[in-house]
C-alpha atoms as a PDB file:
ATOM      1  CA  MET A   1       6.877 -13.372  16.754  1.00  0.00           C
ATOM      2  CA  SER A   2       5.949  -9.737  17.205  1.00  0.00           C
ATOM      3  CA  GLU A   3       4.526  -7.531  14.469  1.00  0.00           C
ATOM      4  CA  GLN A   4       4.167  -3.783  14.719  1.00  0.00           C
ATOM      5  CA  ALA A   5       2.070  -1.314  12.742  1.00  0.00           C
ATOM      6  CA  ASP A   6       1.579   2.412  12.947  1.00  0.00           C
ATOM      7  CA  VAL A   7      -2.221   2.165  12.773  1.00  0.00           C
ATOM      8  CA  VAL A   8      -4.853  -0.541  13.211  1.00  0.00           C
ATOM      9  CA  VAL A   9      -8.165   0.227  11.516  1.00  0.00           C
ATOM     10  CA  LEU A  10     -11.095  -1.689  12.985  1.00  0.00           C
ATOM     11  CA  GLY A  11     -13.840  -2.079  10.410  1.00  0.00           C
ATOM     12  CA  LEU A  12     -13.188  -1.673   6.726  1.00  0.00           C
ATOM     13  CA  GLY A  13     -16.539  -0.382   5.592  1.00  0.00           C
ATOM     14  CA  PRO A  14     -16.531   2.705   3.370  1.00  0.00           C
ATOM     15  CA  GLY A  15     -15.062   4.964   6.071  1.00  0.00           C
ATOM     16  CA  GLY A  16     -12.481   2.503   7.363  1.00  0.00           C
ATOM     17  CA  GLU A  17     -11.370   1.595   3.858  1.00  0.00           C
ATOM     18  CA  TYR A  18     -10.872   5.279   3.061  1.00  0.00           C
ATOM     19  CA  VAL A  19      -8.941   5.952   6.272  1.00  0.00           C
ATOM     20  CA  ALA A  20      -6.718   2.891   5.820  1.00  0.00           C
ATOM     21  CA  GLY A  21      -5.940   3.809   2.209  1.00  0.00           C
ATOM     22  CA  THR A  22      -5.207   7.435   3.027  1.00  0.00           C
ATOM     23  CA  LEU A  23      -2.877   6.526   5.894  1.00  0.00           C
ATOM     24  CA  ALA A  24      -1.100   3.891   3.788  1.00  0.00           C
ATOM     25  CA  GLU A  25      -0.586   6.424   0.984  1.00  0.00           C
ATOM     26  CA  ALA A  26       0.920   8.767   3.591  1.00  0.00           C
ATOM     27  CA  GLY A  27       3.555   6.125   4.296  1.00  0.00           C
ATOM     28  CA  LEU A  28       2.221   4.580   7.493  1.00  0.00           C
ATOM     29  CA  ASP A  29       2.091   0.829   8.118  1.00  0.00           C
ATOM     30  CA  VAL A  30      -1.625   0.024   8.343  1.00  0.00           C
ATOM     31  CA  VAL A  31      -3.412  -3.135   9.449  1.00  0.00           C
ATOM     32  CA  GLY A  32      -7.096  -3.427   8.639  1.00  0.00           C
ATOM     33  CA  ILE A  33      -9.462  -5.745  10.500  1.00  0.00           C
ATOM     34  CA  GLU A  34     -12.858  -6.599   9.037  1.00  0.00           C
ATOM     35  CA  SER A  35     -15.194  -9.492   9.799  1.00  0.00           C
ATOM     36  CA  GLU A  36     -17.491  -8.925   6.819  1.00  0.00           C
ATOM     37  CA  LEU A  37     -16.927  -7.266   3.423  1.00  0.00           C
ATOM     38  CA  VAL A  38     -14.129  -4.776   2.758  1.00  0.00           C
ATOM     39  CA  GLY A  39     -15.780  -1.570   1.581  1.00  0.00           C
ATOM     40  CA  GLY A  40     -19.127  -2.515   3.088  1.00  0.00           C
ATOM     41  CA  GLU A  41     -21.997  -4.092   1.206  1.00  0.00           C
ATOM     42  CA  CYS A  42     -22.412  -1.326  -1.373  1.00  0.00           C
ATOM     43  CA  PRO A  43     -19.749  -2.496  -3.890  1.00  0.00           C
ATOM     44  CA  TYR A  44     -21.006  -6.088  -3.702  1.00  0.00           C
ATOM     45  CA  TRP A  45     -24.817  -6.030  -3.846  1.00  0.00           C
ATOM     46  CA  GLY A  46     -25.992  -2.593  -2.791  1.00  0.00           C
ATOM     47  CA  CYS A  47     -25.547   0.720  -4.546  1.00  0.00           C
ATOM     48  CA  VAL A  48     -22.991  -0.053  -7.240  1.00  0.00           C
ATOM     49  CA  PRO A  49     -24.654  -3.097  -8.883  1.00  0.00           C
ATOM     50  CA  SER A  50     -28.110  -1.502  -8.784  1.00  0.00           C
ATOM     51  CA  LYS A  51     -26.808   1.712 -10.375  1.00  0.00           C
ATOM     52  CA  MET A  52     -25.241  -0.303 -13.209  1.00  0.00           C
ATOM     53  CA  MET A  53     -28.553  -2.073 -13.876  1.00  0.00           C
ATOM     54  CA  ILE A  54     -30.536   1.182 -13.726  1.00  0.00           C
ATOM     55  CA  ARG A  55     -28.112   2.854 -16.143  1.00  0.00           C
ATOM     56  CA  ALA A  56     -28.362  -0.067 -18.595  1.00  0.00           C
ATOM     57  CA  GLY A  57     -32.170   0.094 -18.452  1.00  0.00           C
ATOM     58  CA  ASN A  58     -32.112   3.841 -19.070  1.00  0.00           C
ATOM     59  CA  LEU A  59     -29.830   3.381 -22.085  1.00  0.00           C
ATOM     60  CA  LEU A  60     -32.164   0.760 -23.575  1.00  0.00           C
ATOM     61  CA  ALA A  61     -35.140   3.057 -23.035  1.00  0.00           C
ATOM     62  CA  GLU A  62     -33.349   5.942 -24.761  1.00  0.00           C
ATOM     63  CA  ALA A  63     -32.317   3.707 -27.663  1.00  0.00           C
ATOM     64  CA  GLY A  64     -35.984   2.781 -28.104  1.00  0.00           C
ATOM     65  CA  ARG A  65     -36.831   6.440 -28.634  1.00  0.00           C
ATOM     66  CA  VAL A  66     -34.650   6.691 -31.763  1.00  0.00           C
ATOM     67  CA  PRO A  67     -36.866   6.775 -34.864  1.00  0.00           C
ATOM     68  CA  SER A  68     -36.483   3.710 -37.043  1.00  0.00           C
ATOM     69  CA  SER A  69     -36.391   5.340 -40.448  1.00  0.00           C
ATOM     70  CA  PRO A  70     -34.652   3.684 -43.402  1.00  0.00           C
ATOM     71  CA  VAL A  71     -31.037   4.625 -43.972  1.00  0.00           C
ATOM     72  CA  ARG A  72     -30.517   6.748 -47.065  1.00  0.00           C
ATOM     73  CA  ARG A  73     -27.582   5.793 -49.223  1.00  0.00           C
ATOM     74  CA  ARG A  74     -26.047   7.852 -51.984  1.00  0.00           C
END
């Protein structure tokens, strides 16, 4: 059996993932080869998860700054 593709992308880290997606959107047949994590480590345990935790911590800190005065009802 013989398969053909227009492009073979070796390595699907952030750059390879972008290139493969862009070429596929342009209508080319793309094959991606990656031995580790597609998109690199950032979406899995690097930048993205840490930014979500930092943002949540910042929101909690800001919420703590709100004065706790009684609610006035009419």
